[in-house]
Amino acid sequence: MEENGNLLDSLLGGAIDYSKTSFELIRLKAIDKVSWLVSSAFSRFLAILITSMSLLMGSFALAFWIGDALGKPWYGFLVVAAFYGLLAIVLFFLMHKWIKKQVGNYMVRKLLK
């Protein structure tokens, strides 16, 4: 009977070790995915920030140049703002679904990788 007890203890110990190892593996995989997601989001944020600042400075320069050519500085800002407004409307109506699909597919691919 004692032999059955040792076998049961050994089996139970193995099951506990297996569950601890499985939990640790799941935890490490989750940490890997989260760290990848955060680092990827941060690098993309920096790229978007730098691009946005360049676009902003270029827009100011273009607005002042157009305003100088038209005679009043606010004309230039009005023209640039109207251009960006029209561009936003066109992009929203033409590309909203496509962009949403691409971003969703990218996130699913990276999270399941």
N, C-alpha and C. Protein backbone atom coordinates (compact mmCIF):
# COMPACT_ATOMS: atom_id res chain seq x y z
N MET A 1 0.82 -1.20 0.00
CA MET A 1 0.00 0.00 0.00
C MET A 1 0.86 1.26 0.00
N GLU A 2 2.01 1.15 0.69
CA GLU A 2 2.90 2.30 0.74
C GLU A 2 3.45 2.63 -0.64
N GLU A 3 3.63 1.60 -1.46
CA GLU A 3 4.13 1.81 -2.81
C GLU A 3 3.13 2.62 -3.64
N ASN A 4 1.84 2.38 -3.45
CA ASN A 4 0.81 3.16 -4.14
C ASN A 4 0.84 4.61 -3.66
N GLY A 5 1.10 4.82 -2.38
CA GLY A 5 1.18 6.18 -1.83
C GLY A 5 2.35 6.94 -2.43
N ASN A 6 3.51 6.29 -2.55
CA ASN A 6 4.67 6.94 -3.16
C ASN A 6 4.42 7.24 -4.63
N LEU A 7 3.77 6.31 -5.32
CA LEU A 7 3.45 6.52 -6.72
C LEU A 7 2.49 7.69 -6.90
N LEU A 8 1.49 7.77 -6.01
CA LEU A 8 0.52 8.86 -6.06
C LEU A 8 1.20 10.19 -5.74
N ASP A 9 2.08 10.19 -4.72
CA ASP A 9 2.80 11.42 -4.37
C ASP A 9 3.70 11.86 -5.53
N SER A 10 4.37 10.90 -6.15
CA SER A 10 5.24 11.21 -7.28
C SER A 10 4.43 11.76 -8.45
N LEU A 11 3.29 11.16 -8.72
CA LEU A 11 2.42 11.61 -9.80
C LEU A 11 1.87 13.00 -9.51
N LEU A 12 1.45 13.22 -8.28
CA LEU A 12 0.92 14.53 -7.88
C LEU A 12 2.01 15.59 -7.94
N GLY A 13 3.20 15.24 -7.50
CA GLY A 13 4.32 16.18 -7.58
C GLY A 13 4.66 16.53 -9.01
N GLY A 14 4.64 15.54 -9.89
CA GLY A 14 4.89 15.80 -11.31
C GLY A 14 3.83 16.70 -11.92
N ALA A 15 2.58 16.48 -11.54
CA ALA A 15 1.49 17.31 -12.07
C ALA A 15 1.63 18.75 -11.58
N ILE A 16 2.03 18.93 -10.33
CA ILE A 16 2.21 20.28 -9.78
C ILE A 16 3.37 20.97 -10.49
N ASP A 17 4.48 20.24 -10.69
CA ASP A 17 5.61 20.83 -11.41
C ASP A 17 5.23 21.19 -12.84
N TYR A 18 4.45 20.33 -13.49
CA TYR A 18 4.01 20.60 -14.86
C TYR A 18 3.13 21.85 -14.90
N SER A 19 2.23 21.98 -13.95
CA SER A 19 1.35 23.15 -13.95
C SER A 19 2.14 24.42 -13.67
N LYS A 20 3.12 24.35 -12.78
CA LYS A 20 3.96 25.54 -12.50
C LYS A 20 4.76 25.92 -13.74
N THR A 21 5.32 24.93 -14.41
CA THR A 21 6.09 25.20 -15.62
C THR A 21 5.21 25.76 -16.73
N SER A 22 4.01 25.21 -16.88
CA SER A 22 3.08 25.70 -17.90
C SER A 22 2.67 27.14 -17.60
N PHE A 23 2.40 27.43 -16.35
CA PHE A 23 2.03 28.79 -15.96
C PHE A 23 3.18 29.75 -16.23
N GLU A 24 4.39 29.34 -15.91
CA GLU A 24 5.57 30.18 -16.14
C GLU A 24 5.77 30.44 -17.63
N LEU A 25 5.56 29.42 -18.45
CA LEU A 25 5.68 29.57 -19.90
C LEU A 25 4.64 30.56 -20.43
N ILE A 26 3.41 30.43 -19.97
CA ILE A 26 2.35 31.36 -20.40
C ILE A 26 2.69 32.79 -19.97
N ARG A 27 3.19 32.93 -18.74
CA ARG A 27 3.56 34.25 -18.23
C ARG A 27 4.68 34.87 -19.07
N LEU A 28 5.70 34.08 -19.40
CA LEU A 28 6.81 34.58 -20.19
C LEU A 28 6.38 34.93 -21.62
N LYS A 29 5.49 34.15 -22.20
CA LYS A 29 4.97 34.47 -23.53
C LYS A 29 4.17 35.77 -23.50
N ALA A 30 3.38 35.95 -22.44
CA ALA A 30 2.60 37.19 -22.31
C ALA A 30 3.53 38.39 -22.15
N ILE A 31 4.57 38.24 -21.35
CA ILE A 31 5.54 39.33 -21.17
C ILE A 31 6.21 39.65 -22.49
N ASP A 32 6.56 38.63 -23.26
CA ASP A 32 7.19 38.84 -24.56
C ASP A 32 6.28 39.62 -25.49
N LYS A 33 5.01 39.23 -25.56
CA LYS A 33 4.06 39.91 -26.45
C LYS A 33 3.83 41.35 -26.02
N VAL A 34 3.67 41.56 -24.72
CA VAL A 34 3.42 42.92 -24.23
C VAL A 34 4.64 43.80 -24.47
N SER A 35 5.83 43.28 -24.20
CA SER A 35 7.04 44.09 -24.41
C SER A 35 7.22 44.40 -25.89
N TRP A 36 6.93 43.44 -26.76
CA TRP A 36 7.02 43.70 -28.19
C TRP A 36 6.01 44.76 -28.61
N LEU A 37 4.79 44.65 -28.10
CA LEU A 37 3.73 45.59 -28.46
C LEU A 37 4.07 47.00 -27.98
N VAL A 38 4.57 47.13 -26.76
CA VAL A 38 4.91 48.45 -26.22
C VAL A 38 6.08 49.05 -26.98
N SER A 39 7.12 48.26 -27.24
CA SER A 39 8.27 48.80 -27.96
C SER A 39 7.91 49.18 -29.39
N SER A 40 7.07 48.38 -30.03
CA SER A 40 6.63 48.69 -31.38
C SER A 40 5.78 49.96 -31.40
N ALA A 41 4.87 50.06 -30.44
CA ALA A 41 4.02 51.26 -30.37
C ALA A 41 4.86 52.50 -30.08
N PHE A 42 5.85 52.38 -29.22
CA PHE A 42 6.69 53.53 -28.89
C PHE A 42 7.51 53.97 -30.09
N SER A 43 8.10 53.02 -30.82
CA SER A 43 8.89 53.40 -31.99
C SER A 43 8.01 54.04 -33.06
N ARG A 44 6.82 53.52 -33.24
CA ARG A 44 5.89 54.12 -34.21
C ARG A 44 5.45 55.51 -33.75
N PHE A 45 5.23 55.66 -32.44
CA PHE A 45 4.85 56.97 -31.90
C PHE A 45 5.95 57.99 -32.18
N LEU A 46 7.21 57.61 -31.96
CA LEU A 46 8.31 58.54 -32.23
C LEU A 46 8.39 58.90 -33.71
N ALA A 47 8.21 57.93 -34.58
CA ALA A 47 8.24 58.20 -36.01
C ALA A 47 7.10 59.13 -36.41
N ILE A 48 5.92 58.90 -35.86
CA ILE A 48 4.77 59.76 -36.16
C ILE A 48 4.99 61.16 -35.61
N LEU A 49 5.57 61.26 -34.41
CA LEU A 49 5.83 62.56 -33.81
C LEU A 49 6.81 63.37 -34.64
N ILE A 50 7.90 62.74 -35.08
CA ILE A 50 8.89 63.44 -35.89
C ILE A 50 8.31 63.84 -37.24
N THR A 51 7.56 62.95 -37.85
CA THR A 51 6.92 63.26 -39.13
C THR A 51 5.91 64.39 -38.97
N SER A 52 5.15 64.36 -37.88
CA SER A 52 4.15 65.42 -37.64
C SER A 52 4.82 66.77 -37.43
N MET A 53 5.91 66.78 -36.69
CA MET A 53 6.62 68.05 -36.47
C MET A 53 7.18 68.59 -37.78
N SER A 54 7.72 67.72 -38.62
CA SER A 54 8.23 68.16 -39.92
C SER A 54 7.10 68.70 -40.79
N LEU A 55 5.98 67.99 -40.77
CA LEU A 55 4.82 68.44 -41.55
C LEU A 55 4.28 69.77 -41.02
N LEU A 56 4.28 69.93 -39.74
CA LEU A 56 3.81 71.18 -39.14
C LEU A 56 4.70 72.35 -39.54
N MET A 57 6.01 72.15 -39.44
CA MET A 57 6.94 73.24 -39.81
C MET A 57 6.84 73.54 -41.31
N GLY A 58 6.73 72.51 -42.11
CA GLY A 58 6.56 72.72 -43.55
C GLY A 58 5.26 73.43 -43.88
N SER A 59 4.22 73.11 -43.13
CA SER A 59 2.93 73.77 -43.34
C SER A 59 3.00 75.25 -42.99
N PHE A 60 3.70 75.57 -41.90
CA PHE A 60 3.88 76.98 -41.54
C PHE A 60 4.65 77.72 -42.63
N ALA A 61 5.72 77.11 -43.10
CA ALA A 61 6.52 77.74 -44.15
C ALA A 61 5.69 77.94 -45.42
N LEU A 62 4.93 76.92 -45.80
CA LEU A 62 4.09 77.03 -46.99
C LEU A 62 3.01 78.10 -46.80
N ALA A 63 2.40 78.15 -45.62
CA ALA A 63 1.35 79.14 -45.35
C ALA A 63 1.92 80.56 -45.42
N PHE A 64 3.10 80.77 -44.84
CA PHE A 64 3.70 82.11 -44.91
C PHE A 64 4.08 82.46 -46.35
N TRP A 65 4.57 81.48 -47.11
CA TRP A 65 4.96 81.74 -48.49
C TRP A 65 3.73 82.08 -49.35
N ILE A 66 2.65 81.29 -49.20
CA ILE A 66 1.42 81.57 -49.95
C ILE A 66 0.84 82.91 -49.51
N GLY A 67 0.85 83.17 -48.20
CA GLY A 67 0.34 84.45 -47.70
C GLY A 67 1.13 85.62 -48.23
N ASP A 68 2.44 85.46 -48.33
CA ASP A 68 3.29 86.53 -48.87
C ASP A 68 2.96 86.76 -50.34
N ALA A 69 2.71 85.66 -51.07
CA ALA A 69 2.39 85.79 -52.49
C ALA A 69 1.02 86.41 -52.71
N LEU A 70 0.07 86.15 -51.79
CA LEU A 70 -1.29 86.69 -51.93
C LEU A 70 -1.46 88.05 -51.28
N GLY A 71 -0.50 88.50 -50.51
CA GLY A 71 -0.55 89.84 -49.95
C GLY A 71 -0.92 89.89 -48.48
N LYS A 72 -1.57 88.89 -47.93
CA LYS A 72 -1.93 88.87 -46.52
C LYS A 72 -1.57 87.50 -45.94
N PRO A 73 -0.89 87.48 -44.80
CA PRO A 73 -0.44 86.20 -44.23
C PRO A 73 -1.57 85.23 -43.91
N TRP A 74 -2.71 85.73 -43.50
CA TRP A 74 -3.78 84.80 -43.13
C TRP A 74 -4.39 84.10 -44.33
N TYR A 75 -4.22 84.66 -45.53
CA TYR A 75 -4.67 83.96 -46.73
C TYR A 75 -3.92 82.64 -46.90
N GLY A 76 -2.64 82.68 -46.64
CA GLY A 76 -1.82 81.47 -46.76
C GLY A 76 -2.27 80.39 -45.79
N PHE A 77 -2.55 80.79 -44.54
CA PHE A 77 -3.02 79.83 -43.55
C PHE A 77 -4.40 79.28 -43.92
N LEU A 78 -5.24 80.12 -44.50
CA LEU A 78 -6.56 79.69 -44.93
C LEU A 78 -6.44 78.67 -46.07
N VAL A 79 -5.57 78.89 -47.01
CA VAL A 79 -5.38 77.97 -48.14
C VAL A 79 -4.84 76.63 -47.63
N VAL A 80 -3.85 76.67 -46.75
CA VAL A 80 -3.26 75.43 -46.23
C VAL A 80 -4.29 74.66 -45.40
N ALA A 81 -5.04 75.37 -44.57
CA ALA A 81 -6.07 74.70 -43.75
C ALA A 81 -7.15 74.08 -44.64
N ALA A 82 -7.56 74.79 -45.69
CA ALA A 82 -8.56 74.24 -46.60
C ALA A 82 -8.03 72.99 -47.30
N PHE A 83 -6.76 73.01 -47.70
CA PHE A 83 -6.16 71.83 -48.32
C PHE A 83 -6.18 70.64 -47.37
N TYR A 84 -5.76 70.84 -46.13
CA TYR A 84 -5.75 69.74 -45.16
C TYR A 84 -7.17 69.26 -44.84
N GLY A 85 -8.11 70.17 -44.79
CA GLY A 85 -9.49 69.78 -44.55
C GLY A 85 -10.03 68.90 -45.67
N LEU A 86 -9.81 69.32 -46.90
CA LEU A 86 -10.25 68.51 -48.05
C LEU A 86 -9.53 67.16 -48.09
N LEU A 87 -8.24 67.17 -47.80
CA LEU A 87 -7.48 65.92 -47.77
C LEU A 87 -8.02 64.97 -46.70
N ALA A 88 -8.35 65.50 -45.53
CA ALA A 88 -8.89 64.66 -44.46
C ALA A 88 -10.25 64.07 -44.84
N ILE A 89 -11.08 64.86 -45.47
CA ILE A 89 -12.40 64.36 -45.88
C ILE A 89 -12.26 63.26 -46.94
N VAL A 90 -11.40 63.50 -47.91
CA VAL A 90 -11.19 62.51 -48.98
C VAL A 90 -10.62 61.22 -48.39
N LEU A 91 -9.59 61.34 -47.55
CA LEU A 91 -8.99 60.15 -46.95
C LEU A 91 -9.98 59.40 -46.07
N PHE A 92 -10.79 60.12 -45.34
CA PHE A 92 -11.75 59.45 -44.46
C PHE A 92 -12.75 58.63 -45.27
N PHE A 93 -13.31 59.23 -46.30
CA PHE A 93 -14.34 58.53 -47.06
C PHE A 93 -13.77 57.44 -47.98
N LEU A 94 -12.56 57.64 -48.49
CA LEU A 94 -12.01 56.66 -49.42
C LEU A 94 -11.20 55.56 -48.74
N MET A 95 -10.57 55.87 -47.62
CA MET A 95 -9.62 54.91 -47.07
C MET A 95 -9.91 54.47 -45.65
N HIS A 96 -10.99 54.90 -45.05
CA HIS A 96 -11.27 54.57 -43.66
C HIS A 96 -11.34 53.06 -43.43
N LYS A 97 -12.12 52.37 -44.23
CA LYS A 97 -12.29 50.92 -44.06
C LYS A 97 -10.99 50.18 -44.35
N TRP A 98 -10.27 50.61 -45.38
CA TRP A 98 -9.02 49.95 -45.73
C TRP A 98 -7.98 50.10 -44.62
N ILE A 99 -7.85 51.31 -44.07
CA ILE A 99 -6.88 51.54 -42.99
C ILE A 99 -7.27 50.73 -41.76
N LYS A 100 -8.54 50.72 -41.42
CA LYS A 100 -9.01 49.95 -40.27
C LYS A 100 -8.71 48.47 -40.44
N LYS A 101 -8.93 47.95 -41.62
CA LYS A 101 -8.67 46.54 -41.91
C LYS A 101 -7.18 46.24 -41.81
N GLN A 102 -6.34 47.10 -42.37
CA GLN A 102 -4.90 46.88 -42.36
C GLN A 102 -4.34 46.90 -40.93
N VAL A 103 -4.78 47.86 -40.14
CA VAL A 103 -4.30 47.95 -38.75
C VAL A 103 -4.77 46.75 -37.94
N GLY A 104 -6.02 46.36 -38.11
CA GLY A 104 -6.54 45.19 -37.39
C GLY A 104 -5.80 43.92 -37.76
N ASN A 105 -5.56 43.71 -39.05
CA ASN A 105 -4.83 42.52 -39.50
C ASN A 105 -3.40 42.52 -38.98
N TYR A 106 -2.76 43.67 -38.98
CA TYR A 106 -1.39 43.79 -38.48
C TYR A 106 -1.31 43.41 -37.00
N MET A 107 -2.24 43.93 -36.21
CA MET A 107 -2.24 43.64 -34.77
C MET A 107 -2.49 42.15 -34.51
N VAL A 108 -3.43 41.56 -35.22
CA VAL A 108 -3.73 40.14 -35.03
C VAL A 108 -2.52 39.29 -35.43
N ARG A 109 -1.90 39.63 -36.56
CA ARG A 109 -0.71 38.87 -37.00
C ARG A 109 0.40 38.94 -35.95
N LYS A 110 0.65 40.11 -35.43
CA LYS A 110 1.75 40.28 -34.48
C LYS A 110 1.44 39.63 -33.13
N LEU A 111 0.19 39.68 -32.70
CA LEU A 111 -0.14 39.10 -31.42
C LEU A 111 -0.19 37.58 -31.47
N LEU A 112 -0.51 37.00 -32.62
CA LEU A 112 -0.57 35.55 -32.74
C LEU A 112 0.75 34.93 -33.22
N LYS A 113 1.72 35.75 -33.53
CA LYS A 113 3.01 35.27 -34.01
C LYS A 113 3.79 34.58 -32.92
